[in-house]
């Protein structure tokens, strides 16, 4: 679990009055008499797609078609794709993930001076329909299901992509029908996108967790008010934005800890 930075040496500790001044008397009494009630139990978790599905499947497809420039193309393509999602959302526009993946790929190939055919473009964009599942996912999903935690995918990917990948990995039975941002025509980190989980589960926000793959998504979900686990698969440094997600770990154990199963 992540913790905040240590206080600077010699810094004056806040007085008891300062601390209590930020908390109502009723809240303090509740913490004393009912400590467990202060943090509601997580009843449901919304997952971004990539804590479940391995995006390196896309990179492998790029390398197969472009052995020399594959790594460079894959990294630049991914960055441009998410740039496009953020730009469109900021401007109040929306094109679905498959369309933006194609457009970002064509731009990136042009930028790198790589010729790419229509057939190659279709194959690479199609790789988002054929993602491998991370090896730690199925046991964790089983534990969450057995604990009665409801699960849903809340992703920028299209609903068709999500269904295709769930079916390939044979994990559809663990999840409720997926929530694609196509439903609200706003990409994460728009609050409208995160709101889908509340509307779907019909539960208080305090009882819904969010499991993110990208640091930016973990921050966005935390800003929205979810208790958030950052499944930091690539062990990236913390984002310099606050507040931070309550939990961070390199694998799906972050989601288990969020549900109290760590």
C-alpha atoms as a PDB file:
ATOM      1  CA  UNK A   1       0.000   0.000   0.000  1.00  0.00           C
ATOM      2  CA  UNK A   2       1.243   3.455  -0.785  1.00  0.00           C
ATOM      3  CA  UNK A   3       1.896   5.883   2.032  1.00  0.00           C
ATOM      4  CA  UNK A   4       2.546   9.578   1.970  1.00  0.00           C
ATOM      5  CA  UNK A   5       6.026  11.090   2.289  1.00  0.00           C
ATOM      6  CA  UNK A   6       7.564  11.351   5.732  1.00  0.00           C
ATOM      7  CA  UNK A   7       7.407  14.723   7.422  1.00  0.00           C
ATOM      8  CA  UNK A   8      10.470  16.899   7.071  1.00  0.00           C
ATOM      9  CA  UNK A   9      12.870  16.708   9.998  1.00  0.00           C
ATOM     10  CA  UNK A  10      12.164  19.414  12.481  1.00  0.00           C
ATOM     11  CA  UNK A  11       8.748  20.242  11.046  1.00  0.00           C
ATOM     12  CA  UNK A  12       6.237  21.135  13.743  1.00  0.00           C
ATOM     13  CA  UNK A  13       3.642  18.413  14.210  1.00  0.00           C
ATOM     14  CA  UNK A  14       0.032  19.566  13.876  1.00  0.00           C
ATOM     15  CA  UNK A  15      -1.659  20.213  17.182  1.00  0.00           C
ATOM     16  CA  UNK A  16      -4.478  17.981  18.386  1.00  0.00           C
ATOM     17  CA  UNK A  17      -6.814  20.903  17.913  1.00  0.00           C
ATOM     18  CA  UNK A  18      -5.677  21.344  14.299  1.00  0.00           C
ATOM     19  CA  UNK A  19      -6.309  17.704  13.488  1.00  0.00           C
ATOM     20  CA  UNK A  20      -9.687  17.497  15.195  1.00  0.00           C
ATOM     21  CA  UNK A  21     -10.698  20.792  13.677  1.00  0.00           C
ATOM     22  CA  UNK A  22     -10.969  19.092  10.292  1.00  0.00           C
ATOM     23  CA  UNK A  23     -13.286  16.361  11.612  1.00  0.00           C
ATOM     24  CA  UNK A  24     -16.763  16.770  13.021  1.00  0.00           C
ATOM     25  CA  UNK A  25     -17.480  15.666  16.588  1.00  0.00           C
ATOM     26  CA  UNK A  26     -19.952  13.126  15.230  1.00  0.00           C
ATOM     27  CA  UNK A  27     -17.293  11.579  13.004  1.00  0.00           C
ATOM     28  CA  UNK A  28     -14.832  11.319  15.900  1.00  0.00           C
ATOM     29  CA  UNK A  29     -17.427   9.621  18.109  1.00  0.00           C
ATOM     30  CA  UNK A  30     -18.297   7.261  15.262  1.00  0.00           C
ATOM     31  CA  UNK A  31     -14.642   6.288  14.817  1.00  0.00           C
ATOM     32  CA  UNK A  32     -14.345   5.610  18.557  1.00  0.00           C
ATOM     33  CA  UNK A  33     -17.558   3.649  19.002  1.00  0.00           C
ATOM     34  CA  UNK A  34     -17.856   2.040  15.543  1.00  0.00           C
ATOM     35  CA  UNK A  35     -14.379   1.966  13.953  1.00  0.00           C
ATOM     36  CA  UNK A  36     -15.327  -0.602  11.323  1.00  0.00           C
ATOM     37  CA  UNK A  37     -18.214   1.559  10.105  1.00  0.00           C
ATOM     38  CA  UNK A  38     -15.806   4.350   9.144  1.00  0.00           C
ATOM     39  CA  UNK A  39     -14.696   2.495   6.003  1.00  0.00           C
ATOM     40  CA  UNK A  40     -17.580   0.745   4.222  1.00  0.00           C
ATOM     41  CA  UNK A  41     -16.831  -2.669   2.792  1.00  0.00           C
ATOM     42  CA  UNK A  42     -16.131  -2.815  -0.933  1.00  0.00           C
ATOM     43  CA  UNK A  43     -19.113  -4.545  -2.535  1.00  0.00           C
ATOM     44  CA  UNK A  44     -18.129  -4.101  -6.189  1.00  0.00           C
ATOM     45  CA  UNK A  45     -15.044  -3.321  -8.257  1.00  0.00           C
ATOM     46  CA  UNK A  46     -14.888  -1.708 -11.687  1.00  0.00           C
ATOM     47  CA  UNK A  47     -11.782  -2.756 -13.614  1.00  0.00           C
ATOM     48  CA  UNK A  48     -10.078  -0.934 -16.407  1.00  0.00           C
ATOM     49  CA  UNK A  49      -9.429  -3.411 -19.210  1.00  0.00           C
ATOM     50  CA  UNK A  50      -5.662  -3.610 -18.937  1.00  0.00           C
ATOM     51  CA  UNK A  51      -5.233  -4.913 -15.376  1.00  0.00           C
ATOM     52  CA  UNK A  52      -7.028  -7.930 -16.869  1.00  0.00           C
ATOM     53  CA  UNK A  53      -5.767  -8.008 -20.483  1.00  0.00           C
ATOM     54  CA  UNK A  54      -2.099  -7.718 -21.398  1.00  0.00           C
ATOM     55  CA  UNK A  55      -1.470  -4.823 -23.847  1.00  0.00           C
ATOM     56  CA  UNK A  56       1.861  -6.379 -24.799  1.00  0.00           C
ATOM     57  CA  UNK A  57      -0.200  -8.530 -27.154  1.00  0.00           C
ATOM     58  CA  UNK A  58      -0.508  -5.416 -29.324  1.00  0.00           C
ATOM     59  CA  UNK A  59       3.220  -4.764 -29.147  1.00  0.00           C
ATOM     60  CA  UNK A  60       3.923  -8.334 -30.245  1.00  0.00           C
ATOM     61  CA  UNK A  61       1.671  -7.886 -33.290  1.00  0.00           C
ATOM     62  CA  UNK A  62       3.486  -4.669 -34.224  1.00  0.00           C
ATOM     63  CA  UNK A  63       6.893  -6.325 -33.909  1.00  0.00           C
ATOM     64  CA  UNK A  64       5.781  -9.173 -36.129  1.00  0.00           C
ATOM     65  CA  UNK A  65       4.943  -6.795 -38.985  1.00  0.00           C
ATOM     66  CA  UNK A  66       7.777  -4.314 -38.363  1.00  0.00           C
ATOM     67  CA  UNK A  67      10.715  -6.219 -36.836  1.00  0.00           C
ATOM     68  CA  UNK A  68      13.145  -3.289 -36.910  1.00  0.00           C
ATOM     69  CA  UNK A  69      10.842  -0.447 -35.858  1.00  0.00           C
ATOM     70  CA  UNK A  70       8.204  -2.433 -33.976  1.00  0.00           C
ATOM     71  CA  UNK A  71       9.074  -1.355 -30.448  1.00  0.00           C
ATOM     72  CA  UNK A  72       9.336   2.301 -31.393  1.00  0.00           C
ATOM     73  CA  UNK A  73       6.101   2.187 -33.378  1.00  0.00           C
ATOM     74  CA  UNK A  74       4.174   0.399 -30.626  1.00  0.00           C
ATOM     75  CA  UNK A  75       5.178   2.900 -27.923  1.00  0.00           C
ATOM     76  CA  UNK A  76       4.469   5.954 -30.069  1.00  0.00           C
ATOM     77  CA  UNK A  77       1.159   4.503 -31.289  1.00  0.00           C
ATOM     78  CA  UNK A  78      -0.088   3.839 -27.762  1.00  0.00           C
ATOM     79  CA  UNK A  79       0.841   7.346 -26.634  1.00  0.00           C
ATOM     80  CA  UNK A  80      -0.847   8.976 -29.625  1.00  0.00           C
ATOM     81  CA  UNK A  81      -3.970   6.853 -29.144  1.00  0.00           C
ATOM     82  CA  UNK A  82      -4.466   8.009 -25.577  1.00  0.00           C
ATOM     83  CA  UNK A  83      -3.577  11.573 -26.563  1.00  0.00           C
ATOM     84  CA  UNK A  84      -6.482  11.392 -28.997  1.00  0.00           C
ATOM     85  CA  UNK A  85      -8.903  10.113 -26.336  1.00  0.00           C
ATOM     86  CA  UNK A  86      -8.005  12.966 -24.000  1.00  0.00           C
ATOM     87  CA  UNK A  87      -8.155  15.620 -26.742  1.00  0.00           C
ATOM     88  CA  UNK A  88     -11.568  14.488 -27.949  1.00  0.00           C
ATOM     89  CA  UNK A  89     -12.992  14.356 -24.430  1.00  0.00           C
ATOM     90  CA  UNK A  90     -11.614  17.803 -23.586  1.00  0.00           C
ATOM     91  CA  UNK A  91     -13.189  19.192 -26.757  1.00  0.00           C
ATOM     92  CA  UNK A  92     -16.557  17.514 -26.172  1.00  0.00           C
ATOM     93  CA  UNK A  93     -16.114  15.202 -29.168  1.00  0.00           C
ATOM     94  CA  UNK A  94     -16.133  11.421 -29.402  1.00  0.00           C
ATOM     95  CA  UNK A  95     -14.917   8.770 -31.827  1.00  0.00           C
ATOM     96  CA  UNK A  96     -14.821   5.207 -30.574  1.00  0.00           C
ATOM     97  CA  UNK A  97     -11.623   3.466 -29.531  1.00  0.00           C
ATOM     98  CA  UNK A  98     -11.316   1.411 -32.699  1.00  0.00           C
ATOM     99  CA  UNK A  99     -11.523   4.513 -34.901  1.00  0.00           C
ATOM    100  CA  UNK A 100      -8.990   6.404 -32.802  1.00  0.00           C
ATOM    101  CA  UNK A 101      -6.659   3.388 -32.721  1.00  0.00           C
ATOM    102  CA  UNK A 102      -6.634   3.337 -36.520  1.00  0.00           C
ATOM    103  CA  UNK A 103      -6.122   7.089 -36.852  1.00  0.00           C
ATOM    104  CA  UNK A 104      -3.365   7.123 -34.216  1.00  0.00           C
ATOM    105  CA  UNK A 105      -1.621   4.224 -35.952  1.00  0.00           C
ATOM    106  CA  UNK A 106      -1.694   5.926 -39.344  1.00  0.00           C
ATOM    107  CA  UNK A 107      -0.376   9.175 -37.880  1.00  0.00           C
ATOM    108  CA  UNK A 108       2.411   7.401 -36.010  1.00  0.00           C
ATOM    109  CA  UNK A 109       3.454   5.368 -39.045  1.00  0.00           C
ATOM    110  CA  UNK A 110       3.603   8.562 -41.130  1.00  0.00           C
ATOM    111  CA  UNK A 111       5.560  10.332 -38.403  1.00  0.00           C
ATOM    112  CA  UNK A 112       8.123   7.526 -38.320  1.00  0.00           C
ATOM    113  CA  UNK A 113       8.314   7.326 -42.102  1.00  0.00           C
ATOM    114  CA  UNK A 114       6.893   3.810 -42.215  1.00  0.00           C
ATOM    115  CA  UNK A 115       4.683   2.670 -45.043  1.00  0.00           C
ATOM    116  CA  UNK A 116       1.680   0.766 -43.742  1.00  0.00           C
ATOM    117  CA  UNK A 117      -0.929  -0.966 -45.881  1.00  0.00           C
ATOM    118  CA  UNK A 118      -4.654  -1.134 -45.172  1.00  0.00           C
ATOM    119  CA  UNK A 119      -4.325  -4.843 -44.442  1.00  0.00           C
ATOM    120  CA  UNK A 120      -1.527  -4.198 -41.933  1.00  0.00           C
ATOM    121  CA  UNK A 121      -3.560  -1.439 -40.296  1.00  0.00           C
ATOM    122  CA  UNK A 122      -6.594  -3.714 -39.943  1.00  0.00           C
ATOM    123  CA  UNK A 123      -4.449  -6.478 -38.448  1.00  0.00           C
ATOM    124  CA  UNK A 124      -2.815  -4.218 -35.874  1.00  0.00           C
ATOM    125  CA  UNK A 125      -6.011  -2.487 -34.792  1.00  0.00           C
ATOM    126  CA  UNK A 126      -7.621  -5.933 -34.680  1.00  0.00           C
ATOM    127  CA  UNK A 127      -5.035  -7.027 -32.117  1.00  0.00           C
ATOM    128  CA  UNK A 128      -7.074  -5.104 -29.525  1.00  0.00           C
ATOM    129  CA  UNK A 129      -9.716  -7.818 -30.014  1.00  0.00           C
ATOM    130  CA  UNK A 130      -7.172 -10.574 -29.305  1.00  0.00           C
ATOM    131  CA  UNK A 131      -5.464  -9.652 -26.051  1.00  0.00           C
ATOM    132  CA  UNK A 132      -3.921 -12.246 -23.765  1.00  0.00           C
ATOM    133  CA  UNK A 133      -4.992 -12.334 -20.146  1.00  0.00           C
ATOM    134  CA  UNK A 134      -2.403 -11.719 -17.400  1.00  0.00           C
ATOM    135  CA  UNK A 135      -1.502 -15.012 -15.660  1.00  0.00           C
ATOM    136  CA  UNK A 136      -2.539 -13.881 -12.152  1.00  0.00           C
ATOM    137  CA  UNK A 137      -6.043 -12.817 -13.189  1.00  0.00           C
ATOM    138  CA  UNK A 138      -8.197 -15.950 -13.107  1.00  0.00           C
ATOM    139  CA  UNK A 139      -7.316 -17.056  -9.549  1.00  0.00           C
ATOM    140  CA  UNK A 140      -7.919 -13.514  -8.298  1.00  0.00           C
ATOM    141  CA  UNK A 141     -11.267 -13.225 -10.069  1.00  0.00           C
ATOM    142  CA  UNK A 142     -12.332 -16.520  -8.514  1.00  0.00           C
ATOM    143  CA  UNK A 143     -11.457 -15.241  -5.035  1.00  0.00           C
ATOM    144  CA  UNK A 144     -13.373 -12.025  -5.598  1.00  0.00           C
ATOM    145  CA  UNK A 145     -16.413 -13.901  -6.901  1.00  0.00           C
ATOM    146  CA  UNK A 146     -16.336 -16.333  -3.980  1.00  0.00           C
ATOM    147  CA  UNK A 147     -16.235 -13.349  -1.602  1.00  0.00           C
ATOM    148  CA  UNK A 148     -19.383 -11.949  -3.215  1.00  0.00           C
ATOM    149  CA  UNK A 149     -17.700  -8.928  -4.807  1.00  0.00           C
ATOM    150  CA  UNK A 150     -19.466  -7.811  -7.984  1.00  0.00           C
ATOM    151  CA  UNK A 151     -17.172  -7.122 -10.958  1.00  0.00           C
ATOM    152  CA  UNK A 152     -17.448  -5.136 -14.161  1.00  0.00           C
ATOM    153  CA  UNK A 153     -15.061  -3.870 -16.811  1.00  0.00           C
ATOM    154  CA  UNK A 154     -15.154  -0.089 -17.246  1.00  0.00           C
ATOM    155  CA  UNK A 155     -12.944   0.668 -20.208  1.00  0.00           C
ATOM    156  CA  UNK A 156     -12.168   3.025 -23.062  1.00  0.00           C
ATOM    157  CA  UNK A 157     -12.191   0.000 -25.359  1.00  0.00           C
ATOM    158  CA  UNK A 158     -15.321  -0.771 -27.350  1.00  0.00           C
ATOM    159  CA  UNK A 159     -17.888  -3.201 -26.032  1.00  0.00           C
ATOM    160  CA  UNK A 160     -17.081  -5.548 -28.926  1.00  0.00           C
ATOM    161  CA  UNK A 161     -13.394  -5.563 -27.918  1.00  0.00           C
ATOM    162  CA  UNK A 162     -14.242  -6.285 -24.298  1.00  0.00           C
ATOM    163  CA  UNK A 163     -16.621  -9.136 -25.164  1.00  0.00           C
ATOM    164  CA  UNK A 164     -14.098 -10.615 -27.601  1.00  0.00           C
ATOM    165  CA  UNK A 165     -11.293 -10.612 -25.044  1.00  0.00           C
ATOM    166  CA  UNK A 166     -13.473 -11.959 -22.228  1.00  0.00           C
ATOM    167  CA  UNK A 167     -14.659 -14.801 -24.457  1.00  0.00           C
ATOM    168  CA  UNK A 168     -11.120 -15.677 -25.617  1.00  0.00           C
ATOM    169  CA  UNK A 169      -9.912 -15.828 -22.015  1.00  0.00           C
ATOM    170  CA  UNK A 170     -13.055 -17.631 -20.788  1.00  0.00           C
ATOM    171  CA  UNK A 171     -13.599 -15.126 -17.976  1.00  0.00           C
ATOM    172  CA  UNK A 172     -17.008 -13.779 -18.959  1.00  0.00           C
ATOM    173  CA  UNK A 173     -18.724 -15.563 -16.067  1.00  0.00           C
ATOM    174  CA  UNK A 174     -16.794 -13.476 -13.548  1.00  0.00           C
ATOM    175  CA  UNK A 175     -18.061 -10.154 -14.873  1.00  0.00           C
ATOM    176  CA  UNK A 176     -21.320  -8.339 -15.328  1.00  0.00           C
ATOM    177  CA  UNK A 177     -21.954  -6.816 -18.803  1.00  0.00           C
ATOM    178  CA  UNK A 178     -19.035  -4.507 -19.659  1.00  0.00           C
ATOM    179  CA  UNK A 179     -19.215  -0.723 -19.520  1.00  0.00           C
ATOM    180  CA  UNK A 180     -17.565   0.861 -22.542  1.00  0.00           C
ATOM    181  CA  UNK A 181     -17.157   4.619 -22.710  1.00  0.00           C
ATOM    182  CA  UNK A 182     -19.160   4.351 -25.943  1.00  0.00           C
ATOM    183  CA  UNK A 183     -22.221   4.436 -23.668  1.00  0.00           C
ATOM    184  CA  UNK A 184     -21.568   7.971 -22.464  1.00  0.00           C
ATOM    185  CA  UNK A 185     -19.312   9.203 -25.292  1.00  0.00           C
ATOM    186  CA  UNK A 186     -16.682  10.450 -22.876  1.00  0.00           C
ATOM    187  CA  UNK A 187     -13.313   8.835 -22.265  1.00  0.00           C
ATOM    188  CA  UNK A 188     -11.684   8.487 -18.882  1.00  0.00           C
ATOM    189  CA  UNK A 189     -10.704  10.451 -16.877  1.00  0.00           C
ATOM    190  CA  UNK A 190     -14.007  12.253 -17.483  1.00  0.00           C
ATOM    191  CA  UNK A 191     -16.237  11.953 -14.392  1.00  0.00           C
ATOM    192  CA  UNK A 192     -19.048  10.962 -16.768  1.00  0.00           C
ATOM    193  CA  UNK A 193     -17.126   7.789 -17.621  1.00  0.00           C
ATOM    194  CA  UNK A 194     -16.469   6.835 -13.991  1.00  0.00           C
ATOM    195  CA  UNK A 195     -20.117   7.496 -13.102  1.00  0.00           C
ATOM    196  CA  UNK A 196     -21.117   4.480 -15.199  1.00  0.00           C
ATOM    197  CA  UNK A 197     -20.161   2.085 -12.406  1.00  0.00           C
ATOM    198  CA  UNK A 198     -22.403   3.835  -9.877  1.00  0.00           C
ATOM    199  CA  UNK A 199     -25.297   3.828 -12.308  1.00  0.00           C
ATOM    200  CA  UNK A 200     -24.704   0.168 -13.146  1.00  0.00           C
ATOM    201  CA  UNK A 201     -24.259  -1.212  -9.645  1.00  0.00           C
ATOM    202  CA  UNK A 202     -26.815   1.106  -7.954  1.00  0.00           C
ATOM    203  CA  UNK A 203     -24.518   1.205  -4.941  1.00  0.00           C
ATOM    204  CA  UNK A 204     -23.056   4.110  -2.961  1.00  0.00           C
ATOM    205  CA  UNK A 205     -19.756   5.351  -4.334  1.00  0.00           C
ATOM    206  CA  UNK A 206     -18.083   4.512  -1.022  1.00  0.00           C
ATOM    207  CA  UNK A 207     -18.735   0.808  -1.577  1.00  0.00           C
ATOM    208  CA  UNK A 208     -17.342   0.684  -5.129  1.00  0.00           C
ATOM    209  CA  UNK A 209     -13.641   0.208  -5.843  1.00  0.00           C
ATOM    210  CA  UNK A 210     -11.789   0.925  -9.060  1.00  0.00           C
ATOM    211  CA  UNK A 211      -8.784  -1.005 -10.391  1.00  0.00           C
ATOM    212  CA  UNK A 212      -6.662   1.000 -12.834  1.00  0.00           C
ATOM    213  CA  UNK A 213      -3.776   0.099 -15.125  1.00  0.00           C
ATOM    214  CA  UNK A 214      -2.462   3.566 -15.961  1.00  0.00           C
ATOM    215  CA  UNK A 215      -1.259   5.938 -13.280  1.00  0.00           C
ATOM    216  CA  UNK A 216      -3.354   8.706 -14.843  1.00  0.00           C
ATOM    217  CA  UNK A 217      -6.464   6.495 -14.611  1.00  0.00           C
ATOM    218  CA  UNK A 218      -5.746   5.692 -10.978  1.00  0.00           C
ATOM    219  CA  UNK A 219      -5.528   9.409 -10.236  1.00  0.00           C
ATOM    220  CA  UNK A 220      -8.684  10.148 -12.220  1.00  0.00           C
ATOM    221  CA  UNK A 221     -10.716   7.497 -10.404  1.00  0.00           C
ATOM    222  CA  UNK A 222      -9.384   8.738  -7.069  1.00  0.00           C
ATOM    223  CA  UNK A 223     -10.370  12.308  -7.952  1.00  0.00           C
ATOM    224  CA  UNK A 224     -13.834  11.021  -8.788  1.00  0.00           C
ATOM    225  CA  UNK A 225     -14.074   9.556  -5.292  1.00  0.00           C
ATOM    226  CA  UNK A 226     -13.494   5.846  -5.734  1.00  0.00           C
ATOM    227  CA  UNK A 227     -11.200   3.891  -3.479  1.00  0.00           C
ATOM    228  CA  UNK A 228      -8.683   2.992  -6.130  1.00  0.00           C
ATOM    229  CA  UNK A 229      -6.091   0.283  -6.640  1.00  0.00           C
ATOM    230  CA  UNK A 230      -3.325   0.951  -9.141  1.00  0.00           C
ATOM    231  CA  UNK A 231      -2.343  -2.350 -10.760  1.00  0.00           C
ATOM    232  CA  UNK A 232       1.065  -1.033 -11.768  1.00  0.00           C
ATOM    233  CA  UNK A 233       2.135  -3.907 -14.021  1.00  0.00           C
ATOM    234  CA  UNK A 234       5.180  -2.115 -15.422  1.00  0.00           C
ATOM    235  CA  UNK A 235       6.344  -0.722 -12.062  1.00  0.00           C
ATOM    236  CA  UNK A 236       6.174   2.887 -13.212  1.00  0.00           C
ATOM    237  CA  UNK A 237       6.929   5.777 -10.852  1.00  0.00           C
ATOM    238  CA  UNK A 238       4.104   7.520  -9.031  1.00  0.00           C
ATOM    239  CA  UNK A 239       2.263  10.276 -10.839  1.00  0.00           C
ATOM    240  CA  UNK A 240       3.000  13.715  -9.404  1.00  0.00           C
ATOM    241  CA  UNK A 241      -0.682  14.370  -8.821  1.00  0.00           C
ATOM    242  CA  UNK A 242      -2.601  14.124  -5.571  1.00  0.00           C
ATOM    243  CA  UNK A 243      -4.351  12.491  -3.877  1.00  0.00           C
ATOM    244  CA  UNK A 244      -2.785   9.173  -4.763  1.00  0.00           C
ATOM    245  CA  UNK A 245      -4.668   5.873  -5.048  1.00  0.00           C
ATOM    246  CA  UNK A 246      -5.048   4.106  -1.721  1.00  0.00           C
ATOM    247  CA  UNK A 247      -3.312   0.942  -2.934  1.00  0.00           C
ATOM    248  CA  UNK A 248      -0.595   0.250  -5.511  1.00  0.00           C
ATOM    249  CA  UNK A 249       1.016  -3.082  -6.394  1.00  0.00           C
ATOM    250  CA  UNK A 250       2.584  -4.638  -9.501  1.00  0.00           C
ATOM    251  CA  UNK A 251      -0.107  -7.287  -9.878  1.00  0.00           C
ATOM    252  CA  UNK A 252      -3.759  -8.118  -9.362  1.00  0.00           C
ATOM    253  CA  UNK A 253      -3.106  -8.381  -5.630  1.00  0.00           C
ATOM    254  CA  UNK A 254      -3.830  -4.654  -5.548  1.00  0.00           C
ATOM    255  CA  UNK A 255      -7.490  -5.374  -6.362  1.00  0.00           C
ATOM    256  CA  UNK A 256      -7.618  -8.188  -3.786  1.00  0.00           C
ATOM    257  CA  UNK A 257      -6.293  -5.843  -1.122  1.00  0.00           C
ATOM    258  CA  UNK A 258      -8.895  -3.261  -2.115  1.00  0.00           C
ATOM    259  CA  UNK A 259     -11.585  -5.850  -1.416  1.00  0.00           C
ATOM    260  CA  UNK A 260     -10.020  -6.814   1.915  1.00  0.00           C
ATOM    261  CA  UNK A 261      -8.689 -10.119   0.571  1.00  0.00           C
ATOM    262  CA  UNK A 262      -4.991  -9.270   0.549  1.00  0.00           C
END
